[in-house]
N, C-alpha and C. Protein backbone atom coordinates (compact mmCIF):
# COMPACT_ATOMS: atom_id res chain seq x y z
N MET A 1 0.63 -1.26 -0.04
CA MET A 1 -0.13 -0.23 0.01
C MET A 1 0.74 1.32 -0.20
N ILE A 2 1.76 1.13 0.61
CA ILE A 2 2.81 2.43 0.64
C ILE A 2 3.48 2.69 -0.75
N ASP A 3 3.70 1.55 -1.68
CA ASP A 3 4.17 1.74 -2.86
C ASP A 3 2.81 1.78 -3.61
N ALA A 4 1.86 1.67 -3.44
CA ALA A 4 0.47 1.84 -4.26
C ALA A 4 0.28 3.66 -4.23
N ILE A 5 0.06 3.94 -2.98
CA ILE A 5 0.19 5.50 -2.61
C ILE A 5 1.46 6.44 -3.44
N GLY A 6 2.39 6.00 -3.30
CA GLY A 6 3.62 6.46 -4.26
C GLY A 6 3.48 6.49 -5.47
N ALA A 7 2.77 5.32 -6.09
CA ALA A 7 2.30 5.13 -7.56
C ALA A 7 1.42 6.08 -8.01
N LEU A 8 0.45 6.48 -6.90
CA LEU A 8 -0.44 7.61 -7.27
C LEU A 8 0.02 9.12 -7.77
N LYS A 9 0.98 9.13 -6.46
CA LYS A 9 1.55 10.31 -6.30
C LYS A 9 2.43 10.61 -7.74
N ASP A 10 3.11 9.55 -8.34
CA ASP A 10 3.84 9.70 -9.49
C ASP A 10 3.06 10.03 -10.51
N HIS A 11 2.07 9.47 -10.57
CA HIS A 11 1.16 9.29 -11.99
C HIS A 11 0.53 10.75 -11.78
N TYR A 12 0.01 11.23 -10.96
CA TYR A 12 -0.93 12.80 -10.74
C TYR A 12 0.67 13.65 -11.05
N ARG A 13 1.46 13.43 -10.19
CA ARG A 13 2.82 14.53 -10.70
C ARG A 13 3.16 14.88 -11.91
N HIS A 14 3.19 13.52 -12.62
CA HIS A 14 3.57 13.65 -14.32
C HIS A 14 2.16 14.38 -14.89
N ARG A 15 1.20 14.39 -14.42
CA ARG A 15 0.26 15.25 -15.21
C ARG A 15 -0.19 16.71 -14.44
N GLY A 16 0.74 16.93 -13.81
CA GLY A 16 0.72 18.74 -13.41
C GLY A 16 -0.24 18.74 -12.33
N ILE A 17 -0.70 17.67 -11.59
CA ILE A 17 -1.59 17.95 -10.31
C ILE A 17 -0.48 18.21 -9.20
N ARG A 18 -1.18 19.14 -8.42
CA ARG A 18 -0.30 19.38 -7.22
C ARG A 18 -0.73 18.87 -5.90
N LYS A 19 -2.01 18.52 -5.55
CA LYS A 19 -2.63 17.71 -4.43
C LYS A 19 -3.60 16.77 -4.84
N LEU A 20 -3.37 15.84 -3.86
CA LEU A 20 -4.53 14.61 -4.13
C LEU A 20 -5.66 14.76 -2.67
N VAL A 21 -6.91 14.59 -3.09
CA VAL A 21 -7.82 14.64 -1.77
C VAL A 21 -8.06 12.96 -1.74
N TYR A 22 -8.00 12.50 -0.60
CA TYR A 22 -8.18 10.84 -0.41
C TYR A 22 -9.05 11.07 0.75
N LYS A 23 -10.26 10.32 0.47
CA LYS A 23 -11.39 9.74 1.55
C LYS A 23 -11.19 8.32 1.71
N VAL A 24 -10.77 8.04 3.04
CA VAL A 24 -10.95 6.77 3.51
C VAL A 24 -11.96 6.19 3.64
N VAL A 25 -12.23 4.89 3.16
CA VAL A 25 -13.16 4.35 3.18
C VAL A 25 -13.70 3.55 4.74
N PRO A 26 -14.55 4.07 5.49
CA PRO A 26 -14.51 3.99 6.76
C PRO A 26 -14.60 2.03 6.84
N PHE A 27 -13.79 1.96 8.21
CA PHE A 27 -13.75 0.35 8.46
C PHE A 27 -14.76 -0.58 8.62
N ILE A 28 -16.08 0.00 8.78
CA ILE A 28 -17.28 -0.85 8.85
C ILE A 28 -17.44 -1.77 7.32
N TYR A 29 -16.78 -0.93 6.25
CA TYR A 29 -17.41 -1.51 4.82
C TYR A 29 -16.48 -2.56 4.62
N ALA A 30 -15.58 -2.97 5.53
CA ALA A 30 -14.46 -4.01 5.09
C ALA A 30 -14.43 -5.15 5.48
N ARG A 31 -14.38 -6.20 4.93
CA ARG A 31 -14.85 -7.67 5.47
C ARG A 31 -13.46 -8.32 6.07
N VAL A 32 -12.85 -7.79 6.41
CA VAL A 32 -11.33 -7.96 6.98
C VAL A 32 -10.63 -6.80 7.20
N PRO A 33 -10.13 -6.90 8.58
CA PRO A 33 -9.29 -5.12 8.58
C PRO A 33 -8.34 -5.12 7.55
N SER A 34 -8.52 -3.71 7.17
CA SER A 34 -7.69 -3.12 5.95
C SER A 34 -7.17 -1.93 5.91
N GLN A 35 -6.79 -1.00 6.90
CA GLN A 35 -6.59 0.26 7.02
C GLN A 35 -4.92 0.43 6.79
N ASP A 36 -4.49 -0.46 6.06
CA ASP A 36 -3.37 -0.24 5.49
C ASP A 36 -2.97 0.92 4.67
N ASP A 37 -3.95 1.46 4.00
CA ASP A 37 -3.99 2.68 3.22
C ASP A 37 -3.70 3.97 4.32
N VAL A 38 -4.28 4.31 5.69
CA VAL A 38 -3.98 5.08 6.58
C VAL A 38 -2.84 5.08 6.99
N TYR A 39 -2.31 4.06 7.16
CA TYR A 39 -0.86 4.26 7.67
C TYR A 39 -0.10 4.75 6.31
N ALA A 40 -0.10 4.20 5.19
CA ALA A 40 0.43 4.33 4.32
C ALA A 40 0.50 6.04 4.05
N LEU A 41 -0.49 6.59 3.75
CA LEU A 41 -0.89 7.72 3.99
C LEU A 41 -0.18 8.89 4.82
N PHE A 42 0.14 8.27 6.29
CA PHE A 42 0.83 8.88 7.02
C PHE A 42 2.47 8.76 6.57
N ARG A 43 2.67 7.71 6.08
CA ARG A 43 4.42 7.44 5.53
C ARG A 43 4.47 8.42 4.54
N HIS A 44 3.32 8.52 4.05
CA HIS A 44 3.62 9.68 2.99
C HIS A 44 3.16 11.43 3.05
N ASP A 45 3.41 11.56 4.33
CA ASP A 45 2.94 12.69 5.19
C ASP A 45 1.86 13.73 4.64
N ALA A 46 0.85 12.69 4.60
CA ALA A 46 -0.46 13.14 4.22
C ALA A 46 -1.22 13.78 5.51
N GLN A 47 -2.11 15.10 5.45
CA GLN A 47 -2.48 15.73 6.15
C GLN A 47 -4.12 15.64 6.06
N ARG A 48 -4.27 15.38 7.58
CA ARG A 48 -6.13 15.02 7.37
C ARG A 48 -6.54 16.37 7.65
N VAL A 49 -7.65 16.53 6.45
CA VAL A 49 -8.13 18.04 6.55
C VAL A 49 -9.50 17.85 6.49
N ARG A 50 -10.10 17.21 6.94
CA ARG A 50 -11.77 16.75 6.98
C ARG A 50 -11.72 15.88 7.87
N CYS A 51 -12.84 15.70 8.69
CA CYS A 51 -13.28 14.35 9.59
C CYS A 51 -14.81 14.99 9.79
N ASP A 52 -16.06 13.89 9.12
CA ASP A 52 -17.31 14.12 9.40
C ASP A 52 -17.65 12.83 10.29
N LEU A 53 -18.60 12.68 10.88
CA LEU A 53 -18.96 11.69 12.08
C LEU A 53 -20.16 11.16 11.50
N SER A 54 -20.51 10.01 11.52
CA SER A 54 -21.70 8.82 11.12
C SER A 54 -21.68 8.37 12.47
N CYS A 55 -23.19 7.62 12.26
CA CYS A 55 -23.60 7.12 13.82
C CYS A 55 -23.95 5.66 12.91
N THR A 56 -23.55 4.71 13.75
CA THR A 56 -23.48 3.46 13.14
C THR A 56 -23.71 2.36 14.28
N ILE A 57 -24.77 1.59 13.99
CA ILE A 57 -25.07 0.62 14.81
C ILE A 57 -24.06 -0.95 14.63
N ASP A 58 -23.60 -1.35 15.67
CA ASP A 58 -23.02 -2.73 15.63
C ASP A 58 -23.99 -3.94 16.08
N LEU A 59 -24.85 -4.53 14.87
CA LEU A 59 -25.70 -5.32 15.00
C LEU A 59 -25.34 -6.51 15.84
N GLN A 60 -24.10 -6.65 16.08
CA GLN A 60 -24.03 -7.73 16.86
C GLN A 60 -23.89 -7.34 18.41
N HIS A 61 -23.51 -5.98 18.61
CA HIS A 61 -23.27 -5.48 19.85
C HIS A 61 -24.05 -4.44 20.29
N GLN A 62 -25.37 -4.22 19.65
CA GLN A 62 -26.02 -3.09 19.71
C GLN A 62 -26.20 -2.27 20.96
N ARG A 63 -26.10 -1.17 21.18
CA ARG A 63 -26.44 -0.46 22.70
C ARG A 63 -27.87 -0.49 22.80
N PRO A 64 -28.13 -0.03 24.22
CA PRO A 64 -29.42 -0.08 24.21
C PRO A 64 -30.13 1.02 23.71
N VAL A 65 -31.73 0.47 23.26
CA VAL A 65 -32.36 1.64 22.35
C VAL A 65 -33.02 2.65 23.45
N SER A 66 -32.72 4.06 23.37
CA SER A 66 -33.42 4.69 24.42
C SER A 66 -35.02 4.83 24.49
N GLU A 67 -35.47 4.76 25.62
CA GLU A 67 -37.16 4.80 25.80
C GLU A 67 -37.65 5.69 25.00
N ARG A 68 -36.92 7.02 24.56
CA ARG A 68 -37.88 7.91 23.79
C ARG A 68 -38.23 7.15 22.38
N ARG A 69 -37.32 6.43 22.04
CA ARG A 69 -37.31 5.97 20.27
C ARG A 69 -38.18 4.65 20.19
N LYS A 70 -38.21 3.88 21.74
CA LYS A 70 -39.30 2.90 21.84
C LYS A 70 -40.57 3.42 22.36
N ARG A 71 -40.90 4.32 22.51
CA ARG A 71 -42.20 5.04 22.97
C ARG A 71 -42.57 5.86 21.39
N ALA A 72 -41.76 6.29 20.87
CA ALA A 72 -42.00 6.92 19.33
C ALA A 72 -42.14 5.85 18.44
N ARG A 73 -41.66 4.65 18.73
CA ARG A 73 -41.99 3.28 17.17
C ARG A 73 -43.22 2.62 17.78
N ARG A 74 -43.56 2.56 19.07
CA ARG A 74 -45.00 2.22 19.39
C ARG A 74 -45.90 3.18 18.73
N LYS A 75 -45.78 4.25 19.25
CA LYS A 75 -46.76 5.25 18.58
C LYS A 75 -46.95 5.35 17.30
N ALA A 76 -45.70 5.13 16.64
CA ALA A 76 -46.05 5.22 14.93
C ALA A 76 -46.58 3.90 14.43
N CYS A 77 -46.30 2.87 14.96
CA CYS A 77 -47.18 1.59 14.61
C CYS A 77 -48.41 1.54 14.98
N LYS A 78 -49.25 2.20 15.86
CA LYS A 78 -50.55 2.24 15.77
C LYS A 78 -51.30 3.24 14.62
N THR A 79 -50.24 4.18 13.90
CA THR A 79 -51.14 4.79 13.00
C THR A 79 -50.47 4.68 11.52
N VAL A 80 -49.35 4.12 11.04
CA VAL A 80 -48.40 3.98 9.66
C VAL A 80 -48.57 2.18 9.53
N THR A 81 -48.47 2.17 8.44
CA THR A 81 -48.15 0.92 7.40
C THR A 81 -46.86 0.66 6.85
N LEU A 82 -46.18 -0.07 7.24
CA LEU A 82 -44.65 0.11 6.48
C LEU A 82 -44.82 -0.77 5.42
N ARG A 83 -44.01 -0.32 4.41
CA ARG A 83 -44.07 -0.82 2.82
C ARG A 83 -42.58 -0.96 2.52
N ALA A 84 -42.18 -2.11 1.80
CA ALA A 84 -40.96 -2.18 1.10
C ALA A 84 -41.08 -2.39 -0.28
N ALA A 85 -41.34 -1.39 -1.22
CA ALA A 85 -41.59 -1.41 -2.32
C ALA A 85 -40.74 -0.15 -3.16
N ILE A 86 -40.01 -0.73 -4.33
CA ILE A 86 -39.12 0.26 -4.93
C ILE A 86 -40.37 1.24 -5.88
N ASP A 87 -41.17 0.44 -6.01
CA ASP A 87 -42.66 1.66 -6.77
C ASP A 87 -42.54 2.75 -6.01
N ASP A 88 -42.77 2.84 -4.89
CA ASP A 88 -42.80 4.15 -4.25
C ASP A 88 -41.84 5.05 -4.39
N LEU A 89 -40.82 5.18 -5.23
CA LEU A 89 -39.79 5.85 -5.14
C LEU A 89 -40.24 7.37 -5.66
N PRO A 90 -41.04 7.45 -6.57
CA PRO A 90 -41.55 8.59 -6.93
C PRO A 90 -41.90 9.68 -5.94
N ALA A 91 -42.76 8.81 -5.16
CA ALA A 91 -43.69 9.28 -3.71
C ALA A 91 -42.79 10.00 -2.83
N PHE A 92 -41.74 8.74 -2.43
CA PHE A 92 -40.77 9.00 -1.63
C PHE A 92 -39.90 10.56 -2.00
N TRP A 93 -39.56 10.52 -3.22
CA TRP A 93 -38.64 11.54 -3.57
C TRP A 93 -39.32 12.85 -3.33
N ALA A 94 -40.48 12.84 -3.70
CA ALA A 94 -41.46 14.07 -3.52
C ALA A 94 -41.31 14.84 -2.13
N VAL A 95 -41.53 13.56 -0.76
CA VAL A 95 -41.14 13.86 0.25
C VAL A 95 -39.75 14.67 0.45
N LEU A 96 -38.71 13.45 0.21
CA LEU A 96 -37.39 14.14 0.26
C LEU A 96 -37.07 15.61 -0.33
N THR A 97 -37.31 15.66 -1.36
CA THR A 97 -37.49 16.89 -2.02
C THR A 97 -37.50 18.31 -1.13
N GLU A 98 -39.19 17.75 -0.74
CA GLU A 98 -39.66 19.03 -0.11
C GLU A 98 -38.98 19.15 1.42
N THR A 99 -38.49 18.02 2.22
CA THR A 99 -37.92 18.06 3.11
C THR A 99 -36.47 18.71 3.10
N LEU A 100 -35.63 18.53 2.22
CA LEU A 100 -34.35 18.76 2.20
C LEU A 100 -34.45 20.88 1.59
N ALA A 101 -35.77 21.20 0.98
CA ALA A 101 -36.04 22.54 0.65
C ALA A 101 -36.16 23.25 1.57
N ARG A 102 -37.30 22.68 2.80
CA ARG A 102 -37.53 23.24 3.81
C ARG A 102 -36.57 23.05 5.08
N ARG A 103 -35.90 22.25 5.11
CA ARG A 103 -34.86 22.39 6.37
C ARG A 103 -33.74 22.94 5.66
N HIS A 104 -32.98 22.80 4.76
CA HIS A 104 -31.66 23.23 4.23
C HIS A 104 -31.54 23.95 3.15
N GLU A 105 -32.59 24.09 2.36
CA GLU A 105 -32.38 25.00 1.19
C GLU A 105 -31.54 23.83 0.08
N ALA A 106 -31.83 22.91 0.23
CA ALA A 106 -31.03 21.96 -0.11
C ALA A 106 -31.63 21.07 -1.73
N VAL A 107 -31.07 20.34 -2.58
CA VAL A 107 -31.76 19.29 -3.38
C VAL A 107 -30.79 18.06 -3.38
N PRO A 108 -31.62 16.79 -3.14
CA PRO A 108 -31.08 15.48 -3.44
C PRO A 108 -29.94 15.80 -4.39
N VAL A 109 -28.90 15.02 -4.07
CA VAL A 109 -27.69 14.65 -5.03
C VAL A 109 -27.73 13.80 -6.31
N HIS A 110 -28.78 12.79 -6.05
CA HIS A 110 -29.09 12.35 -7.35
C HIS A 110 -30.84 12.73 -7.64
N THR A 111 -31.19 12.64 -9.02
CA THR A 111 -32.57 12.79 -9.27
C THR A 111 -33.14 11.55 -9.38
N VAL A 112 -34.55 11.63 -8.78
CA VAL A 112 -35.28 10.25 -8.90
C VAL A 112 -35.01 9.24 -10.41
N ASP A 113 -35.02 9.51 -11.33
CA ASP A 113 -34.43 8.98 -12.27
C ASP A 113 -33.36 8.26 -12.34
N GLU A 114 -32.07 9.01 -11.79
CA GLU A 114 -30.94 8.35 -11.53
C GLU A 114 -31.27 7.24 -10.34
N ILE A 115 -31.71 7.45 -9.40
CA ILE A 115 -32.00 6.37 -8.60
C ILE A 115 -32.64 4.87 -8.81
N ALA A 116 -33.88 5.67 -9.85
CA ALA A 116 -34.57 4.35 -10.43
C ALA A 116 -33.76 3.27 -11.24
N LEU A 117 -32.80 4.07 -11.74
CA LEU A 117 -32.17 3.48 -12.81
C LEU A 117 -31.04 2.45 -12.03
N LEU A 118 -30.13 2.94 -11.00
CA LEU A 118 -29.51 2.43 -10.56
C LEU A 118 -30.38 1.09 -9.55
N ALA A 119 -31.51 1.37 -8.95
CA ALA A 119 -32.32 0.27 -8.40
C ALA A 119 -32.67 -0.71 -9.45
N SER A 120 -32.38 -0.24 -10.74
CA SER A 120 -33.07 -1.33 -11.55
C SER A 120 -31.73 -2.38 -11.86
N ARG A 121 -30.75 -1.78 -11.95
CA ARG A 121 -29.34 -2.35 -12.13
C ARG A 121 -29.06 -3.11 -10.72
N PHE A 122 -29.19 -2.74 -9.78
CA PHE A 122 -28.93 -3.17 -8.56
C PHE A 122 -30.43 -3.49 -7.58
N PRO A 123 -30.92 -4.16 -7.83
CA PRO A 123 -32.16 -4.24 -7.13
C PRO A 123 -32.16 -4.92 -5.58
N ASP A 124 -31.02 -5.54 -5.30
CA ASP A 124 -30.76 -6.14 -3.94
C ASP A 124 -30.01 -5.25 -3.20
N GLU A 125 -29.33 -4.58 -3.58
CA GLU A 125 -28.29 -3.58 -2.96
C GLU A 125 -28.97 -2.09 -2.56
N ILE A 126 -29.89 -1.59 -3.78
CA ILE A 126 -30.56 -0.44 -3.18
C ILE A 126 -32.13 -0.81 -2.94
N GLN A 127 -32.57 -0.64 -1.88
CA GLN A 127 -33.90 -0.78 -1.59
C GLN A 127 -34.80 0.67 -0.67
N LEU A 128 -36.09 0.60 -0.72
CA LEU A 128 -36.95 1.55 -0.32
C LEU A 128 -37.85 1.11 0.83
N ARG A 129 -37.75 1.55 2.01
CA ARG A 129 -38.47 1.36 3.03
C ARG A 129 -39.37 2.78 3.53
N CYS A 130 -40.65 2.54 3.42
CA CYS A 130 -41.53 3.58 3.80
C CYS A 130 -42.79 3.65 4.74
N ALA A 131 -42.97 4.28 5.09
CA ALA A 131 -44.26 4.75 6.23
C ALA A 131 -45.55 5.05 5.44
N VAL A 132 -46.70 4.53 5.46
CA VAL A 132 -47.81 5.30 4.45
C VAL A 132 -48.89 4.99 5.54
N MET A 133 -49.46 6.23 5.46
CA MET A 133 -50.66 6.59 6.00
C MET A 133 -51.88 7.19 4.98
N ASP A 134 -52.63 6.57 4.87
CA ASP A 134 -54.16 6.68 4.30
C ASP A 134 -53.78 6.98 2.81
N GLU A 135 -52.86 5.77 2.72
CA GLU A 135 -52.27 5.64 1.47
C GLU A 135 -51.47 6.12 0.74
N LYS A 136 -50.99 7.32 1.33
CA LYS A 136 -49.83 8.09 0.96
C LYS A 136 -48.22 8.09 1.70
N VAL A 137 -47.30 7.89 1.07
CA VAL A 137 -46.15 8.07 1.69
C VAL A 137 -45.49 9.07 2.67
N ILE A 138 -45.41 9.08 3.67
CA ILE A 138 -45.44 10.02 4.66
C ILE A 138 -43.57 10.15 5.34
N ALA A 139 -43.09 9.06 4.93
CA ALA A 139 -41.57 9.28 5.60
C ALA A 139 -40.97 7.76 4.90
N GLY A 140 -39.55 7.82 4.75
CA GLY A 140 -38.92 6.69 4.40
C GLY A 140 -37.38 6.80 4.04
N VAL A 141 -37.03 5.54 4.18
CA VAL A 141 -35.45 5.58 4.04
C VAL A 141 -34.92 4.66 2.91
N LEU A 142 -33.99 5.47 1.92
CA LEU A 142 -33.49 4.93 0.70
C LEU A 142 -32.09 4.00 1.32
N LEU A 143 -31.97 2.61 1.07
CA LEU A 143 -31.23 1.86 1.52
C LEU A 143 -29.83 1.36 0.65
N PHE A 144 -28.62 1.99 0.77
CA PHE A 144 -27.79 1.18 -0.08
C PHE A 144 -27.14 -0.42 1.06
N CYS A 145 -27.25 -1.42 0.41
CA CYS A 145 -27.02 -2.48 1.05
C CYS A 145 -26.00 -3.31 0.57
N SER A 146 -24.75 -3.42 1.42
CA SER A 146 -23.68 -4.21 1.00
C SER A 146 -23.95 -5.49 1.73
N ARG A 147 -22.86 -6.16 1.73
CA ARG A 147 -22.81 -7.99 2.77
C ARG A 147 -22.46 -7.16 4.07
N ASN A 148 -21.63 -6.19 4.44
CA ASN A 148 -21.49 -5.95 5.61
C ASN A 148 -22.29 -4.88 6.40
N VAL A 149 -22.55 -4.02 5.52
CA VAL A 149 -23.50 -2.63 5.69
C VAL A 149 -24.81 -2.41 5.28
N TRP A 150 -25.92 -2.09 5.86
CA TRP A 150 -27.10 -1.30 5.36
C TRP A 150 -26.62 -0.11 5.63
N HIS A 151 -26.91 0.96 4.42
CA HIS A 151 -26.31 2.11 4.97
C HIS A 151 -27.67 3.11 4.47
N ALA A 152 -28.07 4.17 5.23
CA ALA A 152 -29.27 4.83 4.99
C ALA A 152 -28.61 6.27 4.32
N GLN A 153 -29.06 6.01 2.91
CA GLN A 153 -28.45 6.92 1.99
C GLN A 153 -29.32 8.46 1.79
N TYR A 154 -30.67 8.17 1.87
CA TYR A 154 -31.56 9.10 2.03
C TYR A 154 -32.48 8.83 2.87
N ILE A 155 -32.57 9.90 3.63
CA ILE A 155 -33.99 9.66 5.03
C ILE A 155 -34.69 10.62 4.80
N ALA A 156 -35.88 10.90 4.83
CA ALA A 156 -37.15 12.02 4.64
C ALA A 156 -38.28 11.53 5.45
N SER A 157 -38.74 12.64 5.83
CA SER A 157 -40.44 12.26 6.87
C SER A 157 -40.99 13.99 6.42
N ASN A 158 -42.28 13.81 5.74
CA ASN A 158 -42.88 15.20 5.84
C ASN A 158 -43.54 15.47 7.15
N GLU A 159 -44.42 16.56 7.46
CA GLU A 159 -44.98 17.28 8.56
C GLU A 159 -45.72 16.06 9.10
N SER A 160 -46.61 15.60 8.31
CA SER A 160 -47.44 14.27 8.79
C SER A 160 -46.76 13.10 9.68
N GLY A 161 -45.60 12.96 8.97
CA GLY A 161 -44.50 11.93 9.56
C GLY A 161 -44.04 12.32 10.91
N ASN A 162 -43.81 13.26 10.77
CA ASN A 162 -43.06 13.67 12.06
C ASN A 162 -43.88 13.80 13.18
N GLN A 163 -45.30 14.17 13.04
CA GLN A 163 -46.31 14.08 13.73
C GLN A 163 -46.35 12.36 14.21
N VAL A 164 -46.41 11.73 13.89
CA VAL A 164 -46.79 10.21 14.17
C VAL A 164 -45.19 9.63 14.40
N SER A 165 -44.20 10.26 14.48
CA SER A 165 -42.97 9.40 14.40
C SER A 165 -42.66 8.25 13.51
N ALA A 166 -43.15 8.70 12.46
CA ALA A 166 -43.26 7.40 11.43
C ALA A 166 -41.75 6.99 11.09
N LEU A 167 -40.78 7.66 11.28
CA LEU A 167 -39.29 7.38 11.01
C LEU A 167 -38.94 6.28 12.01
N ASP A 168 -39.31 6.57 13.35
CA ASP A 168 -38.96 5.48 14.19
C ASP A 168 -39.41 4.04 13.76
N ALA A 169 -40.80 3.82 13.22
CA ALA A 169 -40.86 2.57 12.99
C ALA A 169 -40.40 2.25 11.88
N VAL A 170 -40.02 3.12 10.71
CA VAL A 170 -39.39 2.64 9.60
C VAL A 170 -37.73 1.96 9.88
N PHE A 171 -37.22 3.20 11.18
CA PHE A 171 -35.70 2.79 11.17
C PHE A 171 -35.86 1.15 12.04
N GLY A 172 -36.81 1.12 13.16
CA GLY A 172 -36.54 0.09 13.87
C GLY A 172 -37.01 -0.93 12.76
N ALA A 173 -37.68 -1.15 12.25
CA ALA A 173 -37.83 -2.37 11.15
C ALA A 173 -36.88 -2.76 10.45
N ALA A 174 -36.24 -1.73 9.81
CA ALA A 174 -35.07 -1.95 9.02
C ALA A 174 -33.93 -2.35 9.70
N ILE A 175 -33.78 -2.21 10.81
CA ILE A 175 -32.56 -2.31 11.69
C ILE A 175 -32.52 -4.04 11.85
N GLU A 176 -33.90 -4.26 12.58
CA GLU A 176 -34.09 -5.70 12.60
C GLU A 176 -34.04 -6.48 11.26
N GLU A 177 -34.41 -6.05 10.46
CA GLU A 177 -34.25 -6.53 9.00
C GLU A 177 -33.00 -6.86 8.44
N ALA A 178 -32.50 -5.77 8.73
CA ALA A 178 -30.37 -5.78 8.48
C ALA A 178 -29.55 -6.88 9.22
N ARG A 179 -30.24 -6.97 10.61
CA ARG A 179 -29.48 -8.29 11.40
C ARG A 179 -30.01 -9.54 10.93
N ALA A 180 -31.35 -9.70 10.48
CA ALA A 180 -31.98 -10.85 10.38
C ALA A 180 -31.27 -11.40 8.59
N GLY A 181 -30.81 -10.22 7.80
CA GLY A 181 -30.45 -10.35 6.98
C GLY A 181 -28.73 -11.07 6.69
N GLY A 182 -28.33 -10.93 7.86
CA GLY A 182 -26.52 -11.07 8.14
C GLY A 182 -25.89 -9.97 8.23
N ALA A 183 -26.18 -8.57 8.21
CA ALA A 183 -25.21 -7.56 7.88
C ALA A 183 -24.66 -7.27 9.23
N ARG A 184 -23.49 -6.94 9.10
CA ARG A 184 -22.60 -6.80 10.83
C ARG A 184 -23.17 -4.96 11.19
N TYR A 185 -23.43 -4.25 10.38
CA TYR A 185 -23.67 -2.79 10.70
C TYR A 185 -24.86 -2.21 9.96
N PHE A 186 -25.54 -1.49 10.89
CA PHE A 186 -26.40 -0.41 10.48
C PHE A 186 -25.82 1.09 10.57
N ASP A 187 -25.93 1.75 9.29
CA ASP A 187 -25.10 3.18 9.24
C ASP A 187 -26.03 3.98 8.75
N PHE A 188 -26.21 5.08 9.82
CA PHE A 188 -27.38 6.23 9.39
C PHE A 188 -26.68 7.41 8.63
N GLY A 189 -25.01 7.04 8.35
CA GLY A 189 -25.08 8.68 7.72
C GLY A 189 -24.06 9.52 8.97
N THR A 190 -23.56 10.30 7.88
CA THR A 190 -23.04 11.41 8.76
C THR A 190 -24.17 12.72 9.12
N SER A 191 -23.77 13.47 10.26
CA SER A 191 -24.56 14.51 10.78
C SER A 191 -23.70 15.75 10.50
N ASN A 192 -23.17 16.00 9.46
CA ASN A 192 -21.99 17.02 9.47
C ASN A 192 -22.57 18.42 8.68
N GLU A 193 -22.31 19.61 8.64
CA GLU A 193 -22.37 20.87 7.71
C GLU A 193 -20.77 21.47 7.74
N SER A 194 -20.53 22.22 6.89
CA SER A 194 -19.22 23.18 6.82
C SER A 194 -18.20 22.38 7.00
N ALA A 195 -18.26 21.18 5.95
CA ALA A 195 -16.87 20.35 5.93
C ALA A 195 -16.58 19.51 6.93
N GLY A 196 -17.25 19.24 7.83
CA GLY A 196 -16.97 18.40 9.45
C GLY A 196 -16.98 19.50 10.43
N GLN A 197 -16.92 20.68 10.31
CA GLN A 197 -16.65 21.58 11.30
C GLN A 197 -17.81 21.86 12.52
N VAL A 198 -19.02 21.78 11.43
CA VAL A 198 -20.43 21.36 12.45
C VAL A 198 -21.19 20.24 12.50
N LEU A 199 -21.29 19.79 13.42
CA LEU A 199 -21.96 18.62 13.99
C LEU A 199 -23.63 18.92 14.07
N ASN A 200 -24.35 18.63 13.52
CA ASN A 200 -25.94 18.54 13.98
C ASN A 200 -26.14 17.70 15.33
N ASP A 201 -26.05 18.36 16.28
CA ASP A 201 -26.36 17.71 17.28
C ASP A 201 -27.90 16.69 17.76
N GLY A 202 -28.70 17.49 17.07
CA GLY A 202 -30.02 17.14 17.72
C GLY A 202 -29.99 15.66 16.40
N LEU A 203 -29.83 15.66 15.21
CA LEU A 203 -29.81 14.44 14.47
C LEU A 203 -28.98 13.69 14.88
N PHE A 204 -28.13 13.80 15.17
CA PHE A 204 -26.89 13.03 15.66
C PHE A 204 -27.43 12.17 16.93
N ARG A 205 -28.18 12.76 17.96
CA ARG A 205 -28.69 12.45 19.10
C ARG A 205 -29.80 11.37 18.72
N PHE A 206 -30.57 12.01 17.66
CA PHE A 206 -31.83 10.97 17.06
C PHE A 206 -31.26 9.76 16.73
N LYS A 207 -30.19 9.66 15.96
CA LYS A 207 -29.56 8.49 15.71
C LYS A 207 -28.64 7.82 16.52
N SER A 208 -28.09 8.45 17.49
CA SER A 208 -27.51 7.48 18.23
C SER A 208 -28.55 7.00 19.27
N GLU A 209 -29.66 6.98 19.42
CA GLU A 209 -30.60 6.72 20.33
C GLU A 209 -31.09 5.16 19.87
N PHE A 210 -30.85 5.05 18.82
CA PHE A 210 -31.67 3.83 18.04
C PHE A 210 -30.48 2.92 18.49
N GLY A 211 -29.27 3.10 19.12
CA GLY A 211 -28.24 2.44 19.78
C GLY A 211 -26.82 2.34 19.02
N GLY A 212 -26.62 3.40 18.41
CA GLY A 212 -25.63 3.50 17.73
C GLY A 212 -24.25 4.44 18.31
N GLY A 213 -23.03 4.20 17.61
CA GLY A 213 -21.81 5.18 18.06
C GLY A 213 -21.26 5.33 16.76
N GLY A 214 -20.37 6.33 16.99
CA GLY A 214 -19.59 7.23 16.25
C GLY A 214 -18.54 6.48 15.11
N VAL A 215 -18.27 6.59 14.07
CA VAL A 215 -17.71 6.29 13.14
C VAL A 215 -17.15 7.39 12.19
N ALA A 216 -15.78 7.59 12.16
CA ALA A 216 -15.14 8.75 11.57
C ALA A 216 -15.22 8.72 9.87
N HIS A 217 -15.31 9.50 9.24
CA HIS A 217 -15.33 9.34 8.02
C HIS A 217 -14.09 10.85 7.60
N GLU A 218 -12.90 10.00 7.25
CA GLU A 218 -11.75 10.87 7.48
C GLU A 218 -11.19 11.13 5.78
N TYR A 219 -10.62 12.54 5.82
CA TYR A 219 -10.14 12.99 4.41
C TYR A 219 -8.71 13.16 4.62
N TYR A 220 -8.07 12.94 3.57
CA TYR A 220 -6.63 13.03 3.83
C TYR A 220 -6.20 14.05 2.55
N GLU A 221 -4.83 15.14 2.70
CA GLU A 221 -4.34 15.75 1.53
C GLU A 221 -3.21 15.25 1.03
N LEU A 222 -2.86 14.79 0.07
CA LEU A 222 -1.19 14.59 -0.41
C LEU A 222 -0.69 15.86 -1.31
N ALA A 223 0.39 16.55 -0.88
CA ALA A 223 0.92 17.24 -1.43
C ALA A 223 1.86 16.65 -2.70
N ILE A 224 1.86 16.76 -3.65
CA ILE A 224 2.24 16.07 -5.05
C ILE A 224 3.69 16.92 -5.42
């Protein structure tokens, strides 16, 4: 790995590139220990320039779920129906788009057509779980599922979903499904803004109350 990082530097140096930013794949995604790249980056004098914090549940050693999350799930299960169907993607995307615009003045990184195409190519790896009330999608999570990790790529709930704690029902069921399917981790994703310098405390606390802990997403810069 030390030689590989050196070869990367040589490759880009010959093309006039002055620096390389390297994002380390978090350890939870590896099937066996494989942080050789982190050591190699150190040996090549790379500097850590960013660190985001994700919240992840170790499904073999899950921390206790908070009483608040348990109560919210019970409340939601009295009201919503859970559905696992990629056909709900357009309805979920409408909820997601509205939520991002309202809360963050942002838009999804992907379009609904891009996700639909990816899901058609990877039907086992890209899955959707939604909460439905009165036949309308009010909350959901788009999951990227690998052998080791179920990762929540997109999370959204509209006002109706917030009122009945719909995401608690969605996440509770998805976590149980991931464990039953043999995954080791359930990853909620990062909760950062401003290139990692700001942590959304409320969002991170919500995720951690399902029994998760922090996993660092590190970025290194190599001077070439």
